[in-house]
Protein backbone atom coordinates (compact mmCIF):
# COMPACT_ATOMS: atom_id res chain seq x y z
CA MET A 1 0.00 0.00 0.00
CA SER A 2 1.09 3.55 -0.71
CA PRO A 3 1.63 6.01 2.17
CA LYS A 4 -1.56 7.81 1.13
CA GLU A 5 -3.60 4.57 1.26
CA LEU A 6 -2.19 3.73 4.68
CA LEU A 7 -3.08 7.19 5.93
CA GLU A 8 -6.65 6.81 4.69
CA LYS A 9 -7.00 3.43 6.41
CA TYR A 10 -5.68 4.93 9.64
CA LYS A 11 -8.14 7.85 9.41
CA LYS A 12 -11.02 5.41 8.91
CA GLY A 13 -9.93 3.39 11.94
CA GLU A 14 -9.23 0.27 9.84
CA ILE A 15 -5.68 0.00 11.15
CA SER A 16 -3.85 1.36 14.18
CA LEU A 17 -1.00 3.85 14.00
CA THR A 18 1.46 1.10 14.98
CA GLU A 19 0.18 -1.15 12.16
CA ALA A 20 0.44 1.70 9.67
CA LEU A 21 4.02 2.48 10.67
CA GLU A 22 4.99 -1.17 10.24
CA HIS A 23 4.36 -0.81 6.51
CA PHE A 24 6.97 1.95 6.27
CA PRO A 25 10.47 0.39 6.08
CA ASP A 26 12.11 3.79 6.53
CA ARG A 27 9.02 5.57 7.93
CA GLY A 28 9.52 8.34 5.37
CA ILE A 29 12.94 9.21 6.75
CA GLU A 30 16.32 9.44 5.06
CA GLU A 31 19.06 9.68 7.71
CA MET A 32 22.24 11.58 6.81
CA GLY A 33 23.75 12.16 10.23
CA PHE A 34 23.69 15.97 10.02
CA ALA A 35 20.22 15.99 8.40
CA THR A 36 17.08 13.83 8.34
CA ILE A 37 15.15 14.17 5.09
CA ASP A 38 11.36 13.85 5.24
CA THR A 39 10.87 11.76 2.07
CA ASP A 40 7.11 11.33 2.56
CA ARG A 41 6.14 14.96 3.15
CA LEU A 42 4.64 15.54 -0.32
CA SER A 43 2.16 12.65 -0.10
CA ARG A 44 1.37 13.50 3.53
CA THR A 45 0.90 17.28 3.27
CA GLY A 46 0.82 18.22 -0.40
CA LEU A 47 4.08 20.14 0.04
CA PRO A 48 7.52 18.53 -0.44
CA GLU A 49 10.61 18.63 1.73
CA VAL A 50 12.50 21.88 1.09
CA ILE A 51 16.06 22.86 2.00
CA TYR A 52 16.39 26.02 4.10
CA ALA A 53 19.99 26.80 3.20
CA SER A 54 20.69 29.65 5.64
CA GLY A 55 22.94 28.46 8.45
CA LYS A 56 24.03 25.34 6.55
CA THR A 57 27.43 24.86 4.97
CA VAL A 58 27.93 24.65 1.22
CA GLU A 59 28.71 20.95 1.52
CA GLN A 60 25.65 20.22 3.66
CA VAL A 61 23.31 21.89 1.17
CA SER A 62 24.82 20.11 -1.82
CA LEU A 63 24.79 16.71 -0.09
CA ILE A 64 21.15 17.09 0.97
CA ALA A 65 20.19 18.19 -2.54
CA GLU A 66 22.03 15.24 -4.07
CA ARG A 67 20.35 12.74 -1.74
CA MET A 68 16.92 14.20 -2.53
CA TYR A 69 17.72 13.98 -6.23
CA GLN A 70 18.75 10.34 -5.82
CA LYS A 71 15.47 9.60 -4.00
CA GLY A 72 13.44 11.13 -6.82
CA ILE A 73 12.45 14.20 -4.80
CA ASP A 74 12.30 17.55 -6.60
CA VAL A 75 14.78 20.03 -5.12
CA LEU A 76 14.02 23.52 -3.82
CA ALA A 77 16.56 25.31 -1.63
CA THR A 78 15.78 28.77 -0.25
CA ARG A 79 18.22 31.44 1.01
CA ALA A 80 20.98 29.78 -1.00
CA THR A 81 24.24 31.50 -1.93
CA PRO A 82 25.93 31.40 -5.35
CA ALA A 83 28.62 29.15 -3.85
CA MET A 84 25.93 26.69 -2.72
CA PHE A 85 24.46 26.70 -6.21
CA GLU A 86 27.83 26.00 -7.85
CA SER A 87 28.33 23.02 -5.53
CA VAL A 88 24.79 21.69 -6.15
CA LYS A 89 25.19 22.13 -9.91
CA GLN A 90 28.22 19.83 -9.87
CA ARG A 91 26.02 17.10 -8.37
CA ILE A 92 22.79 18.00 -10.22
CA PRO A 93 23.75 19.50 -13.62
CA GLY A 94 20.20 20.65 -14.43
CA ALA A 95 19.77 22.74 -11.28
CA GLN A 96 18.71 26.39 -11.72
CA TYR A 97 19.50 29.46 -9.62
CA ASN A 98 17.45 32.62 -9.19
CA GLU A 99 19.92 35.20 -7.97
CA LEU A 100 17.24 37.64 -6.74
CA ALA A 101 15.21 34.99 -4.92
CA LYS A 102 18.32 33.13 -3.73
CA THR A 103 16.66 29.83 -4.65
CA ILE A 104 18.03 26.65 -6.19
CA THR A 105 15.50 24.50 -8.04
CA TYR A 106 15.51 21.19 -9.86
CA LYS A 107 12.39 19.44 -11.16
CA GLN A 108 12.72 15.80 -12.18
CA SER A 109 9.22 15.75 -13.67
CA GLN A 110 7.08 18.57 -14.97
CA THR A 111 4.00 19.26 -12.85
CA PRO A 112 1.02 20.37 -14.95
CA ALA A 113 0.35 24.04 -14.24
CA THR A 114 -2.87 24.92 -12.45
CA LYS A 115 -5.77 26.46 -14.37
CA GLY A 116 -6.10 29.28 -11.86
CA TYR A 117 -3.15 31.55 -11.16
CA ILE A 118 -1.52 33.28 -8.21
CA ALA A 119 -0.97 37.04 -8.49
CA ILE A 120 2.20 38.16 -6.75
CA VAL A 121 2.18 41.90 -6.12
CA ALA A 122 5.25 43.80 -4.92
CA ALA A 123 4.98 47.34 -3.57
CA GLY A 124 8.45 48.45 -4.66
CA THR A 125 11.44 47.27 -6.64
CA SER A 126 13.30 46.78 -3.36
CA ASP A 127 10.67 44.20 -2.35
CA ILE A 128 11.26 42.08 -5.46
CA PRO A 129 13.76 39.61 -3.89
CA VAL A 130 11.11 38.48 -1.38
CA ALA A 131 8.46 38.46 -4.11
CA GLU A 132 10.73 36.34 -6.30
CA GLU A 133 11.11 33.78 -3.51
CA ALA A 134 7.31 33.51 -3.50
CA VAL A 135 7.31 33.23 -7.30
CA GLU A 136 9.90 30.46 -7.39
CA THR A 137 8.08 28.57 -4.63
CA ALA A 138 4.70 28.83 -6.36
CA LEU A 139 6.14 27.78 -9.73
CA PHE A 140 8.00 24.87 -8.13
CA LEU A 141 4.71 23.67 -6.64
CA GLY A 142 3.04 23.66 -10.06
CA ASN A 143 1.15 26.96 -10.09
CA ARG A 144 0.66 29.55 -12.79
CA VAL A 145 1.97 32.91 -11.61
CA GLU A 146 1.41 36.52 -12.67
CA LYS A 147 3.87 39.13 -11.40
CA ILE A 148 2.81 42.72 -10.73
CA TYR A 149 5.77 44.74 -9.47
CA ASP A 150 6.37 48.31 -8.23
CA VAL A 151 2.74 49.30 -7.63
CA GLY A 152 3.00 50.66 -4.08
CA VAL A 153 0.77 53.25 -2.45
CA ALA A 154 3.09 56.17 -3.22
CA GLY A 155 1.74 55.95 -6.79
CA ILE A 156 -1.54 54.13 -6.31
CA HIS A 157 -2.66 54.68 -9.93
CA ARG A 158 -0.05 52.07 -10.93
CA LEU A 159 -2.03 49.46 -8.98
CA PHE A 160 -5.34 50.41 -10.60
CA HIS A 161 -3.72 49.98 -14.02
CA ARG A 162 -3.17 46.25 -13.22
CA LEU A 163 -6.26 45.68 -11.11
CA GLU A 164 -8.10 43.37 -13.52
CA LEU A 165 -5.15 40.97 -13.64
CA ILE A 166 -5.01 40.97 -9.83
CA ARG A 167 -8.76 40.48 -9.39
CA ASN A 168 -8.85 37.48 -11.74
CA ALA A 169 -6.31 35.54 -9.65
CA ARG A 170 -7.50 32.77 -7.33
CA VAL A 171 -5.24 34.02 -4.54
CA ILE A 172 -3.05 37.11 -4.20
CA ILE A 173 0.29 37.55 -2.45
CA VAL A 174 1.13 41.15 -1.52
CA VAL A 175 4.76 41.89 -0.67
CA ALA A 176 5.48 45.26 0.95
CA GLY A 177 7.97 46.94 3.25
CA MET A 178 8.02 50.48 4.65
CA GLU A 179 4.57 50.85 6.32
CA GLY A 180 3.13 47.75 4.58
CA ALA A 181 -0.07 49.52 3.54
CA LEU A 182 -0.45 47.80 0.18
CA ALA A 183 -1.88 44.58 1.65
CA SER A 184 -4.83 46.49 3.14
CA VAL A 185 -5.39 48.43 -0.07
CA VAL A 186 -5.49 45.27 -2.18
CA GLY A 187 -7.62 43.50 0.43
CA GLY A 188 -10.24 46.23 0.08
CA LEU A 189 -10.42 45.88 -3.70
CA VAL A 190 -10.69 42.13 -4.33
CA ASP A 191 -12.90 39.16 -3.44
CA LYS A 192 -10.03 36.67 -3.23
CA PRO A 193 -7.76 35.60 -0.34
CA VAL A 194 -4.86 38.00 0.18
CA ILE A 195 -1.62 36.86 1.82
CA GLY A 196 0.50 39.72 3.12
CA VAL A 197 4.28 39.41 3.24
CA PRO A 198 5.95 42.21 5.21
CA THR A 199 9.54 42.87 4.19
CA SER A 200 12.49 44.28 6.09
CA ILE A 201 12.79 47.10 3.53
CA GLY A 202 12.51 50.57 5.07
CA TYR A 203 14.19 53.28 7.11
CA GLY A 204 14.97 53.05 10.83
CA ALA A 205 11.42 53.22 12.19
CA ASN A 206 10.55 50.27 9.99
CA PHE A 207 12.40 48.18 12.62
CA GLU A 208 13.58 45.69 9.95
CA GLY A 209 10.04 44.83 8.90
CA LEU A 210 8.30 44.91 12.27
CA SER A 211 6.26 48.02 11.43
CA ALA A 212 5.08 46.47 8.14
CA LEU A 213 4.23 43.22 9.96
CA LEU A 214 2.15 45.04 12.58
CA SER A 215 0.39 47.13 9.92
CA MET A 216 -0.63 44.01 8.02
CA LEU A 217 -1.72 42.20 11.18
CA ASN A 218 -3.84 45.23 12.10
CA SER A 219 -5.41 45.46 8.64
CA CYS A 220 -9.08 46.46 8.65
CA ALA A 221 -9.53 44.78 5.25
CA SER A 222 -11.31 41.44 5.58
CA GLY A 223 -9.66 38.39 4.05
CA VAL A 224 -6.05 39.44 4.62
CA SER A 225 -3.76 36.91 6.31
CA VAL A 226 -0.08 37.49 7.06
CA VAL A 227 3.12 35.43 7.06
CA ASN A 228 6.39 36.29 8.76
CA ILE A 229 8.80 39.05 7.71
CA ASP A 230 10.51 38.31 4.36
CA ASN A 231 8.82 34.89 4.21
CA GLY A 232 8.11 34.67 0.48
CA PHE A 233 8.48 30.90 0.71
CA GLY A 234 5.73 30.55 3.31
CA ALA A 235 3.41 32.75 1.28
CA GLY A 236 4.07 30.71 -1.87
CA CYS A 237 3.24 27.48 -0.05
CA GLN A 238 0.01 28.83 1.45
CA ALA A 239 -1.08 30.34 -1.87
CA SER A 240 -0.42 27.03 -3.63
CA LEU A 241 -2.60 25.12 -1.16
CA ILE A 242 -5.42 27.62 -1.68
CA ASN A 243 -5.05 27.64 -5.46
CA LYS A 244 -5.29 23.84 -5.61
CA LEU A 245 -8.41 23.50 -3.47
C-alpha cells in the first residue's frame, strides 16, 4: 500500500497507528547524520521537503540536494548563496538558480500548471527579492503565476492599471515593506484571499520589517492573512494550497 492509502486506512480506523508504521520500512525518513530528510512529506501534506539553506554549509546543502535527487524528490533550496548553487550544480547539472530569490530548483518531472493563477504583487522594486522567492516557490509547486511589481501606495494609480489581472487571480500575495499599507489596499479591492508578506525594507522606524508586519496584522480589510517578515516561501506554499483547493 502507498503512504496515502495507509493514511486513509488509519483515518477510517481500519488499522492502528502502529500497524500503519509497520508498513513503512524507513518511515519516510532518510538519515544523513547531520540531516534527516522527510521523504514522505509531499504525499502527507501536499508540500515537499525543502532545504532552508541559511545556516548550513555549502557541503551540507549540496549533499542534501544530491540525496533528494537520488530519492526522486524535486529540489528547492531557499536562502541559498551562489557558492551553494555551484556546488549543487556539480552534483545536479540541471539545477537552476534565481539570484534575486536566492533559490536553487531542480524538477525531475514537470507538474502540470494549475488552471487558476496566483498574483504576486510587490509594492516596490526593493521588495522584489522576497516576491521572487514567492514566485519560485509557487512555480515549483506547479502553479501559474502573474507578477505585478512596483505598484505601491506612493503611486496608487499604478495598482489600478493592473487591477483586472489581480482580481482574476484565485489568490493574491502582496509583498510590501516600509509601512506595509499595500496589503490592506489590495484586500479592500478584491474578493479573493490576500496573503501579506511584510519585508524588512525601510528606514529606521521600519524596525527591519516589524512596522510592516504590525500594519498588516492590524489590517481592517477582511480576508487578509499574514506570514512572517521576508517569508516569500511561506506565502508561496500557502497560496499554492489555496489555489489547488
